[in-house]
Amino acid sequence: MGAYGILIFAVIAEIIATSALKMSQGFTKLYPSLAVVGGYSVAFWLMAIALKTLPMGVFYALWCGLGIIGIALIGVFYFGESFGIWQFLGISLIVAGIVILCMVTEIH
């Protein structure tokens, strides 16, 4: 599996951990709290592996951007949070920034 595939799995683990963080209710619920620790542990382990190959700026832009998009979608569809035009515009600008950064960065 390539570095981008590892990055995708790291982002998925981070999204799971962040969602569990909300469900843990301040670490007062055991199973979501364990999911937070496990998810972030896996995410950072995979992050370290992917960073061996990918440039840090591109990696971190993808990590943050994909995480924001994933969490925003889970917030809307699972937690029933609002999502209006300003949220859409903000996330669109993040996606545009990621695309531009990836286009101008050489990956060796």
Protein backbone atom coordinates (compact mmCIF):
# COMPACT_ATOMS: atom_id res chain seq x y z
CA MET A 1 0.00 0.00 0.00
CA GLY A 2 1.31 3.43 -0.90
CA ALA A 3 1.75 6.43 1.35
CA TYR A 4 -1.53 7.97 0.19
CA GLY A 5 -3.41 4.78 1.08
CA ILE A 6 -1.84 4.79 4.52
CA LEU A 7 -2.80 8.45 4.86
CA ILE A 8 -6.43 7.62 4.04
CA PHE A 9 -6.52 4.95 6.75
CA ALA A 10 -4.90 7.38 9.21
CA VAL A 11 -7.61 9.93 8.45
CA ILE A 12 -10.34 7.30 8.88
CA ALA A 13 -8.88 6.32 12.27
CA GLU A 14 -8.74 9.99 13.27
CA ILE A 15 -12.35 10.56 12.20
CA ILE A 16 -13.46 7.53 14.21
CA ALA A 17 -11.52 8.76 17.25
CA THR A 18 -12.91 12.28 17.00
CA SER A 19 -16.47 10.99 16.65
CA ALA A 20 -15.92 8.74 19.66
CA LEU A 21 -14.59 11.75 21.57
CA LYS A 22 -17.97 13.43 21.20
CA MET A 23 -19.76 10.22 22.20
CA SER A 24 -17.51 9.76 25.26
CA GLN A 25 -19.17 12.77 26.91
CA GLY A 26 -15.98 14.05 28.47
CA PHE A 27 -14.51 10.57 28.91
CA THR A 28 -17.38 9.52 31.16
CA LYS A 29 -18.39 6.59 28.90
CA LEU A 30 -15.94 3.67 28.81
CA TYR A 31 -16.28 2.24 25.28
CA PRO A 32 -16.23 5.53 23.39
CA SER A 33 -13.27 6.61 25.55
CA LEU A 34 -11.39 3.44 24.60
CA ALA A 35 -12.23 4.10 20.94
CA VAL A 36 -10.71 7.58 21.28
CA VAL A 37 -7.42 6.25 22.62
CA GLY A 38 -7.30 3.38 20.13
CA GLY A 39 -8.32 5.49 17.15
CA TYR A 40 -5.81 8.24 17.80
CA SER A 41 -3.06 5.67 18.50
CA VAL A 42 -3.67 4.00 15.14
CA ALA A 43 -3.98 7.36 13.38
CA PHE A 44 -0.64 8.65 14.66
CA TRP A 45 1.13 5.35 14.00
CA LEU A 46 -0.09 5.41 10.38
CA MET A 47 0.73 9.11 10.17
CA ALA A 48 4.36 8.37 11.13
CA ILE A 49 4.59 5.71 8.42
CA ALA A 50 3.13 7.95 5.71
CA LEU A 51 5.43 10.83 6.64
CA LYS A 52 8.44 8.72 5.70
CA THR A 53 7.50 9.28 2.05
CA LEU A 54 5.16 12.26 1.72
CA PRO A 55 6.20 15.91 2.08
CA MET A 56 5.05 17.23 5.43
CA GLY A 57 3.14 20.22 4.04
CA VAL A 58 1.11 18.13 1.62
CA PHE A 59 0.56 15.41 4.18
CA TYR A 60 -0.67 17.79 6.85
CA ALA A 61 -2.93 19.68 4.44
CA LEU A 62 -4.54 16.40 3.37
CA TRP A 63 -4.72 15.12 6.96
CA CYS A 64 -6.46 18.23 8.23
CA GLY A 65 -8.65 18.85 5.20
CA LEU A 66 -9.92 15.30 4.86
CA GLY A 67 -10.45 15.11 8.62
CA ILE A 68 -12.47 18.34 8.61
CA ILE A 69 -14.61 17.15 5.72
CA GLY A 70 -15.19 13.75 7.31
CA ILE A 71 -16.05 15.17 10.71
CA ALA A 72 -18.36 17.78 9.18
CA LEU A 73 -20.25 15.05 7.32
CA ILE A 74 -20.54 12.88 10.42
CA GLY A 75 -21.66 15.92 12.42
CA VAL A 76 -24.47 16.53 9.96
CA PHE A 77 -25.58 12.97 9.25
CA TYR A 78 -24.95 11.26 12.60
CA PHE A 79 -25.14 14.01 15.22
CA GLY A 80 -27.76 16.15 13.44
CA GLU A 81 -25.63 19.31 13.40
CA SER A 82 -26.56 22.18 11.08
CA PHE A 83 -24.79 22.73 7.78
CA GLY A 84 -25.55 25.89 5.86
CA ILE A 85 -24.09 27.92 3.06
CA TRP A 86 -21.24 29.34 5.19
CA GLN A 87 -20.14 25.88 6.31
CA PHE A 88 -20.31 24.71 2.70
CA LEU A 89 -18.26 27.71 1.53
CA GLY A 90 -15.63 27.21 4.21
CA ILE A 91 -15.18 23.53 3.45
CA SER A 92 -15.10 24.28 -0.28
CA LEU A 93 -12.24 26.69 0.30
CA ILE A 94 -10.37 24.04 2.29
CA VAL A 95 -10.81 21.54 -0.55
CA ALA A 96 -9.64 24.14 -3.08
CA GLY A 97 -6.54 24.81 -0.97
CA ILE A 98 -5.71 21.12 -0.75
CA VAL A 99 -6.08 20.68 -4.50
CA ILE A 100 -3.85 23.67 -5.23
CA LEU A 101 -1.19 22.53 -2.74
CA CYS A 102 -1.13 19.04 -4.24
CA MET A 103 -0.90 20.43 -7.77
CA VAL A 104 2.16 22.58 -7.05
CA THR A 105 4.06 20.08 -4.89
CA GLU A 106 6.33 17.48 -6.42
CA ILE A 107 6.13 14.07 -4.79
CA HIS A 108 9.27 11.98 -5.24
